[in-house]
Amino acid sequence: MIKKVDHIGIAVRSLETTLPFYTDVLKLPLLGIEEVESQMVRVAFLKAGETKLELLEPTTKESPIAQFIEKRGEGIHHIALGVNSIEERIMEMKEKGIRMIDEEPRIGAGGAHIAFMHPKSATGVLVELCEKKG
């Protein structure tokens, strides 16, 4: 079911001020930056071994990431688990009583198909199922 930890999403106020810590201090390679308009974020992708870090900068005050930062401050937002057949995984989670934020997969950063579990059903952690096509 779960292939790997695909990425860890980290909410930040500013990519410009945050990126130097990851690229200069930690020496993680920057793979790219992308705006995901549907989620109102700019995402910086960093390679950390077999896993990626996604720095999530809100582009509007209405962004869920902006609301997260306002309520909890900057920091870890979610953990994404790589899966095959995301539609089947969503159905399986629902059958097991897991409340899904996304009943159907949607397109996330990098064109991945994603769906989030509600943290109240996942021991307080926002868990993303992530299927990368091709």
N, C-alpha and C. Protein backbone atom coordinates (compact mmCIF):
# COMPACT_ATOMS: atom_id res chain seq x y z
N MET A 1 0.82 -1.20 0.00
CA MET A 1 0.00 0.00 0.00
C MET A 1 0.87 1.27 0.00
N ILE A 2 1.70 1.44 1.01
CA ILE A 2 2.55 2.62 1.10
C ILE A 2 3.91 2.27 0.51
N LYS A 3 4.37 3.05 -0.46
CA LYS A 3 5.66 2.81 -1.10
C LYS A 3 6.80 3.46 -0.32
N LYS A 4 6.56 4.70 0.15
CA LYS A 4 7.62 5.44 0.82
C LYS A 4 7.05 6.74 1.37
N VAL A 5 7.86 7.41 2.18
CA VAL A 5 7.54 8.80 2.53
C VAL A 5 7.96 9.60 1.31
N ASP A 6 6.97 10.18 0.63
CA ASP A 6 7.26 10.93 -0.59
C ASP A 6 7.86 12.29 -0.27
N HIS A 7 7.20 13.01 0.64
CA HIS A 7 7.72 14.32 1.02
C HIS A 7 7.14 14.76 2.35
N ILE A 8 7.78 15.77 2.90
CA ILE A 8 7.30 16.43 4.12
C ILE A 8 7.01 17.87 3.74
N GLY A 9 5.78 18.31 3.99
CA GLY A 9 5.38 19.69 3.68
C GLY A 9 5.65 20.59 4.87
N ILE A 10 6.34 21.69 4.63
CA ILE A 10 6.70 22.63 5.68
C ILE A 10 6.14 24.00 5.33
N ALA A 11 5.28 24.53 6.19
CA ALA A 11 4.67 25.84 5.97
C ALA A 11 5.66 26.93 6.33
N VAL A 12 5.86 27.89 5.40
CA VAL A 12 6.78 29.01 5.63
C VAL A 12 6.11 30.31 5.20
N ARG A 13 6.50 31.39 5.83
CA ARG A 13 5.96 32.69 5.43
C ARG A 13 6.57 33.16 4.12
N SER A 14 7.86 32.88 3.93
CA SER A 14 8.58 33.40 2.76
C SER A 14 9.62 32.39 2.29
N LEU A 15 9.52 32.00 1.03
CA LEU A 15 10.55 31.14 0.45
C LEU A 15 11.89 31.88 0.41
N GLU A 16 11.84 33.15 0.09
CA GLU A 16 13.07 33.95 -0.05
C GLU A 16 13.90 33.94 1.23
N THR A 17 13.25 34.07 2.38
CA THR A 17 14.00 34.11 3.63
C THR A 17 14.28 32.72 4.20
N THR A 18 13.50 31.73 3.82
CA THR A 18 13.64 30.38 4.36
C THR A 18 14.61 29.51 3.56
N LEU A 19 14.61 29.65 2.24
CA LEU A 19 15.42 28.78 1.38
C LEU A 19 16.92 28.76 1.75
N PRO A 20 17.55 29.89 2.08
CA PRO A 20 18.97 29.82 2.39
C PRO A 20 19.34 28.85 3.52
N PHE A 21 18.46 28.69 4.50
CA PHE A 21 18.75 27.71 5.55
C PHE A 21 18.88 26.32 4.96
N TYR A 22 17.96 25.95 4.08
CA TYR A 22 17.96 24.60 3.51
C TYR A 22 19.04 24.40 2.46
N THR A 23 19.28 25.43 1.64
CA THR A 23 20.24 25.28 0.54
C THR A 23 21.68 25.60 0.96
N ASP A 24 21.87 26.63 1.79
CA ASP A 24 23.22 27.06 2.16
C ASP A 24 23.73 26.36 3.44
N VAL A 25 22.87 26.26 4.44
CA VAL A 25 23.27 25.66 5.71
C VAL A 25 23.22 24.14 5.63
N LEU A 26 22.07 23.60 5.21
CA LEU A 26 21.91 22.14 5.14
C LEU A 26 22.45 21.54 3.84
N LYS A 27 22.71 22.40 2.86
CA LYS A 27 23.27 21.97 1.56
C LYS A 27 22.34 21.01 0.80
N LEU A 28 21.03 21.21 0.93
CA LEU A 28 20.08 20.40 0.18
C LEU A 28 19.90 21.01 -1.21
N PRO A 29 19.91 20.19 -2.25
CA PRO A 29 19.71 20.73 -3.60
C PRO A 29 18.28 21.19 -3.82
N LEU A 30 18.15 22.38 -4.39
CA LEU A 30 16.85 22.91 -4.77
C LEU A 30 16.48 22.32 -6.13
N LEU A 31 15.37 21.61 -6.18
CA LEU A 31 14.93 20.97 -7.42
C LEU A 31 14.07 21.88 -8.28
N GLY A 32 13.48 22.89 -7.67
CA GLY A 32 12.64 23.81 -8.42
C GLY A 32 11.61 24.48 -7.54
N ILE A 33 10.97 25.49 -8.12
CA ILE A 33 9.89 26.22 -7.44
C ILE A 33 8.72 26.27 -8.40
N GLU A 34 7.53 26.04 -7.86
CA GLU A 34 6.32 25.98 -8.67
C GLU A 34 5.18 26.66 -7.92
N GLU A 35 4.34 27.37 -8.65
CA GLU A 35 3.12 27.92 -8.05
C GLU A 35 1.97 26.97 -8.34
N VAL A 36 1.21 26.64 -7.29
CA VAL A 36 0.02 25.81 -7.44
C VAL A 36 -1.17 26.71 -7.12
N GLU A 37 -1.73 27.29 -8.18
CA GLU A 37 -2.79 28.29 -8.01
C GLU A 37 -4.00 27.73 -7.27
N SER A 38 -4.38 26.49 -7.55
CA SER A 38 -5.56 25.89 -6.93
C SER A 38 -5.42 25.77 -5.42
N GLN A 39 -4.17 25.68 -4.94
CA GLN A 39 -3.94 25.57 -3.50
C GLN A 39 -3.39 26.86 -2.90
N MET A 40 -3.24 27.90 -3.75
CA MET A 40 -2.80 29.23 -3.31
C MET A 40 -1.45 29.18 -2.60
N VAL A 41 -0.49 28.45 -3.20
CA VAL A 41 0.85 28.34 -2.64
C VAL A 41 1.91 28.38 -3.72
N ARG A 42 3.11 28.79 -3.30
CA ARG A 42 4.32 28.57 -4.08
C ARG A 42 5.08 27.49 -3.33
N VAL A 43 5.60 26.53 -4.08
CA VAL A 43 6.25 25.38 -3.47
C VAL A 43 7.70 25.30 -3.95
N ALA A 44 8.62 25.20 -3.00
CA ALA A 44 10.02 24.94 -3.32
C ALA A 44 10.29 23.48 -2.99
N PHE A 45 10.86 22.75 -3.95
CA PHE A 45 11.15 21.34 -3.78
C PHE A 45 12.64 21.17 -3.48
N LEU A 46 12.95 20.46 -2.40
CA LEU A 46 14.33 20.20 -2.01
C LEU A 46 14.54 18.70 -1.88
N LYS A 47 15.69 18.22 -2.31
CA LYS A 47 16.00 16.80 -2.21
C LYS A 47 16.71 16.54 -0.89
N ALA A 48 16.16 15.60 -0.12
CA ALA A 48 16.76 15.19 1.15
C ALA A 48 16.86 13.67 1.13
N GLY A 49 17.89 13.16 0.47
CA GLY A 49 18.02 11.71 0.32
C GLY A 49 16.94 11.19 -0.61
N GLU A 50 16.23 10.17 -0.16
CA GLU A 50 15.16 9.57 -0.95
C GLU A 50 13.83 10.32 -0.81
N THR A 51 13.80 11.28 0.08
CA THR A 51 12.58 12.03 0.37
C THR A 51 12.77 13.48 -0.09
N LYS A 52 11.67 14.15 -0.35
CA LYS A 52 11.74 15.57 -0.68
C LYS A 52 11.16 16.38 0.48
N LEU A 53 11.61 17.60 0.59
CA LEU A 53 10.97 18.58 1.46
C LEU A 53 10.26 19.55 0.53
N GLU A 54 9.04 19.90 0.87
CA GLU A 54 8.30 20.91 0.12
C GLU A 54 8.06 22.09 1.05
N LEU A 55 8.68 23.21 0.73
CA LEU A 55 8.44 24.44 1.47
C LEU A 55 7.23 25.11 0.85
N LEU A 56 6.22 25.38 1.66
CA LEU A 56 4.93 25.88 1.19
C LEU A 56 4.73 27.32 1.63
N GLU A 57 4.75 28.24 0.66
CA GLU A 57 4.56 29.66 0.94
C GLU A 57 3.16 30.07 0.45
N PRO A 58 2.33 30.63 1.32
CA PRO A 58 1.01 31.06 0.86
C PRO A 58 1.11 32.23 -0.12
N THR A 59 0.22 32.24 -1.12
CA THR A 59 0.19 33.35 -2.06
C THR A 59 -0.95 34.32 -1.76
N THR A 60 -1.87 33.91 -0.89
CA THR A 60 -2.96 34.79 -0.46
C THR A 60 -3.24 34.56 1.03
N LYS A 61 -3.90 35.51 1.65
CA LYS A 61 -4.28 35.34 3.07
C LYS A 61 -5.36 34.27 3.25
N GLU A 62 -6.05 33.94 2.16
CA GLU A 62 -7.11 32.92 2.23
C GLU A 62 -6.56 31.50 2.07
N SER A 63 -5.29 31.39 1.74
CA SER A 63 -4.66 30.08 1.55
C SER A 63 -4.73 29.26 2.83
N PRO A 64 -5.01 27.95 2.70
CA PRO A 64 -4.97 27.09 3.89
C PRO A 64 -3.60 27.14 4.60
N ILE A 65 -2.54 27.36 3.85
CA ILE A 65 -1.21 27.46 4.46
C ILE A 65 -1.10 28.75 5.27
N ALA A 66 -1.65 29.86 4.76
CA ALA A 66 -1.65 31.12 5.50
C ALA A 66 -2.42 30.95 6.81
N GLN A 67 -3.56 30.27 6.74
CA GLN A 67 -4.37 30.04 7.94
C GLN A 67 -3.62 29.14 8.94
N PHE A 68 -2.93 28.13 8.42
CA PHE A 68 -2.13 27.25 9.28
C PHE A 68 -1.05 28.06 10.01
N ILE A 69 -0.32 28.90 9.28
CA ILE A 69 0.75 29.70 9.87
C ILE A 69 0.18 30.67 10.91
N GLU A 70 -0.95 31.28 10.59
CA GLU A 70 -1.59 32.21 11.53
C GLU A 70 -1.94 31.51 12.84
N LYS A 71 -2.42 30.29 12.75
CA LYS A 71 -2.88 29.54 13.93
C LYS A 71 -1.74 28.85 14.67
N ARG A 72 -0.78 28.26 13.92
CA ARG A 72 0.24 27.41 14.53
C ARG A 72 1.67 27.89 14.33
N GLY A 73 1.86 28.87 13.46
CA GLY A 73 3.21 29.32 13.14
C GLY A 73 3.83 28.46 12.05
N GLU A 74 5.02 28.82 11.63
CA GLU A 74 5.71 28.06 10.60
C GLU A 74 6.11 26.70 11.16
N GLY A 75 6.23 25.72 10.25
CA GLY A 75 6.68 24.40 10.68
C GLY A 75 6.06 23.30 9.85
N ILE A 76 6.24 22.07 10.33
CA ILE A 76 5.74 20.92 9.58
C ILE A 76 4.23 21.00 9.44
N HIS A 77 3.77 20.90 8.21
CA HIS A 77 2.35 20.97 7.88
C HIS A 77 1.76 19.59 7.62
N HIS A 78 2.47 18.76 6.84
CA HIS A 78 1.95 17.43 6.53
C HIS A 78 3.06 16.47 6.14
N ILE A 79 2.70 15.19 6.19
CA ILE A 79 3.58 14.13 5.71
C ILE A 79 2.86 13.45 4.56
N ALA A 80 3.55 13.30 3.43
CA ALA A 80 2.95 12.69 2.24
C ALA A 80 3.53 11.29 2.05
N LEU A 81 2.63 10.34 1.89
CA LEU A 81 3.01 8.96 1.66
C LEU A 81 2.75 8.59 0.21
N GLY A 82 3.78 8.09 -0.45
CA GLY A 82 3.63 7.67 -1.85
C GLY A 82 2.85 6.37 -1.93
N VAL A 83 1.86 6.34 -2.83
CA VAL A 83 1.01 5.15 -3.00
C VAL A 83 0.83 4.87 -4.49
N ASN A 84 0.40 3.65 -4.77
CA ASN A 84 -0.10 3.29 -6.09
C ASN A 84 -1.62 3.28 -6.00
N SER A 85 -2.31 3.50 -7.10
CA SER A 85 -3.77 3.40 -7.17
C SER A 85 -4.45 4.23 -6.07
N ILE A 86 -4.28 5.52 -6.14
CA ILE A 86 -4.78 6.40 -5.08
C ILE A 86 -6.30 6.27 -4.88
N GLU A 87 -7.04 6.06 -5.96
CA GLU A 87 -8.49 5.90 -5.80
C GLU A 87 -8.81 4.71 -4.90
N GLU A 88 -8.09 3.61 -5.09
CA GLU A 88 -8.29 2.43 -4.26
C GLU A 88 -7.88 2.70 -2.82
N ARG A 89 -6.80 3.47 -2.62
CA ARG A 89 -6.34 3.77 -1.26
C ARG A 89 -7.38 4.64 -0.55
N ILE A 90 -7.99 5.60 -1.27
CA ILE A 90 -9.02 6.44 -0.65
C ILE A 90 -10.20 5.57 -0.22
N MET A 91 -10.63 4.69 -1.11
CA MET A 91 -11.75 3.81 -0.79
C MET A 91 -11.41 2.93 0.42
N GLU A 92 -10.20 2.41 0.45
CA GLU A 92 -9.75 1.56 1.55
C GLU A 92 -9.76 2.34 2.87
N MET A 93 -9.27 3.58 2.84
CA MET A 93 -9.26 4.40 4.06
C MET A 93 -10.68 4.65 4.56
N LYS A 94 -11.58 4.98 3.64
CA LYS A 94 -12.97 5.23 4.01
C LYS A 94 -13.62 3.98 4.59
N GLU A 95 -13.32 2.82 4.00
CA GLU A 95 -13.85 1.55 4.53
C GLU A 95 -13.35 1.28 5.94
N LYS A 96 -12.17 1.79 6.26
CA LYS A 96 -11.59 1.60 7.59
C LYS A 96 -12.01 2.69 8.56
N GLY A 97 -12.93 3.55 8.13
CA GLY A 97 -13.46 4.59 9.00
C GLY A 97 -12.63 5.86 9.05
N ILE A 98 -11.69 6.00 8.14
CA ILE A 98 -10.86 7.21 8.11
C ILE A 98 -11.61 8.31 7.38
N ARG A 99 -11.71 9.47 8.02
CA ARG A 99 -12.36 10.63 7.39
C ARG A 99 -11.37 11.27 6.43
N MET A 100 -11.80 11.42 5.19
CA MET A 100 -10.95 12.00 4.15
C MET A 100 -11.35 13.46 3.92
N ILE A 101 -10.38 14.34 3.83
CA ILE A 101 -10.65 15.72 3.42
C ILE A 101 -11.00 15.71 1.94
N ASP A 102 -10.27 14.89 1.18
CA ASP A 102 -10.51 14.76 -0.26
C ASP A 102 -11.14 13.40 -0.54
N GLU A 103 -12.39 13.41 -0.95
CA GLU A 103 -13.09 12.17 -1.29
C GLU A 103 -12.63 11.62 -2.64
N GLU A 104 -12.08 12.51 -3.46
CA GLU A 104 -11.55 12.15 -4.77
C GLU A 104 -10.16 12.76 -4.88
N PRO A 105 -9.26 12.14 -5.64
CA PRO A 105 -7.93 12.74 -5.80
C PRO A 105 -8.02 14.08 -6.54
N ARG A 106 -7.09 14.95 -6.20
CA ARG A 106 -6.97 16.23 -6.92
C ARG A 106 -5.52 16.37 -7.34
N ILE A 107 -5.27 17.34 -8.19
CA ILE A 107 -3.92 17.56 -8.70
C ILE A 107 -3.17 18.49 -7.74
N GLY A 108 -2.00 18.03 -7.32
CA GLY A 108 -1.15 18.82 -6.44
C GLY A 108 0.11 19.26 -7.15
N ALA A 109 1.07 19.68 -6.36
CA ALA A 109 2.35 20.14 -6.91
C ALA A 109 3.01 19.04 -7.72
N GLY A 110 3.66 19.44 -8.79
CA GLY A 110 4.35 18.48 -9.64
C GLY A 110 3.42 17.58 -10.43
N GLY A 111 2.12 17.92 -10.45
CA GLY A 111 1.14 17.11 -11.19
C GLY A 111 0.74 15.83 -10.50
N ALA A 112 1.16 15.65 -9.24
CA ALA A 112 0.81 14.44 -8.50
C ALA A 112 -0.68 14.42 -8.20
N HIS A 113 -1.24 13.22 -8.10
CA HIS A 113 -2.62 13.04 -7.65
C HIS A 113 -2.56 12.88 -6.14
N ILE A 114 -3.31 13.72 -5.42
CA ILE A 114 -3.21 13.75 -3.96
C ILE A 114 -4.58 13.69 -3.30
N ALA A 115 -4.57 13.26 -2.05
CA ALA A 115 -5.77 13.28 -1.22
C ALA A 115 -5.31 13.31 0.24
N PHE A 116 -5.95 14.16 1.03
CA PHE A 116 -5.58 14.30 2.44
C PHE A 116 -6.56 13.57 3.34
N MET A 117 -6.01 12.94 4.38
CA MET A 117 -6.81 12.38 5.47
C MET A 117 -7.02 13.48 6.50
N HIS A 118 -8.16 13.48 7.15
CA HIS A 118 -8.40 14.46 8.20
C HIS A 118 -7.52 14.12 9.40
N PRO A 119 -6.85 15.11 9.98
CA PRO A 119 -5.96 14.83 11.12
C PRO A 119 -6.66 14.14 12.29
N LYS A 120 -7.95 14.40 12.48
CA LYS A 120 -8.66 13.77 13.60
C LYS A 120 -8.81 12.26 13.39
N SER A 121 -8.69 11.81 12.16
CA SER A 121 -8.74 10.38 11.87
C SER A 121 -7.34 9.77 11.78
N ALA A 122 -6.30 10.61 11.86
CA ALA A 122 -4.93 10.14 11.66
C ALA A 122 -4.04 10.56 12.84
N THR A 123 -4.54 10.36 14.03
CA THR A 123 -3.82 10.65 15.28
C THR A 123 -3.20 12.04 15.33
N GLY A 124 -3.94 13.02 14.79
CA GLY A 124 -3.50 14.41 14.86
C GLY A 124 -2.53 14.86 13.80
N VAL A 125 -2.21 13.99 12.84
CA VAL A 125 -1.26 14.32 11.78
C VAL A 125 -2.01 14.49 10.46
N LEU A 126 -1.71 15.56 9.74
CA LEU A 126 -2.27 15.72 8.40
C LEU A 126 -1.47 14.83 7.47
N VAL A 127 -2.11 13.76 6.98
CA VAL A 127 -1.44 12.78 6.12
C VAL A 127 -1.98 12.94 4.70
N GLU A 128 -1.06 13.03 3.76
CA GLU A 128 -1.40 13.13 2.34
C GLU A 128 -1.06 11.81 1.66
N LEU A 129 -1.99 11.30 0.88
CA LEU A 129 -1.70 10.19 -0.03
C LEU A 129 -1.29 10.82 -1.35
N CYS A 130 -0.24 10.32 -1.96
CA CYS A 130 0.35 10.97 -3.12
C CYS A 130 0.71 9.91 -4.16
N GLU A 131 0.12 10.03 -5.35
CA GLU A 131 0.46 9.13 -6.45
C GLU A 131 1.03 9.95 -7.59
N LYS A 132 2.23 9.61 -7.97
CA LYS A 132 2.86 10.31 -9.08
C LYS A 132 2.71 9.45 -10.32
N LYS A 133 2.12 10.01 -11.35
CA LYS A 133 1.88 9.29 -12.61
C LYS A 133 3.13 9.36 -13.48
N GLY A 134 3.40 8.26 -14.14
CA GLY A 134 4.50 8.24 -15.11
C GLY A 134 5.83 8.27 -14.57
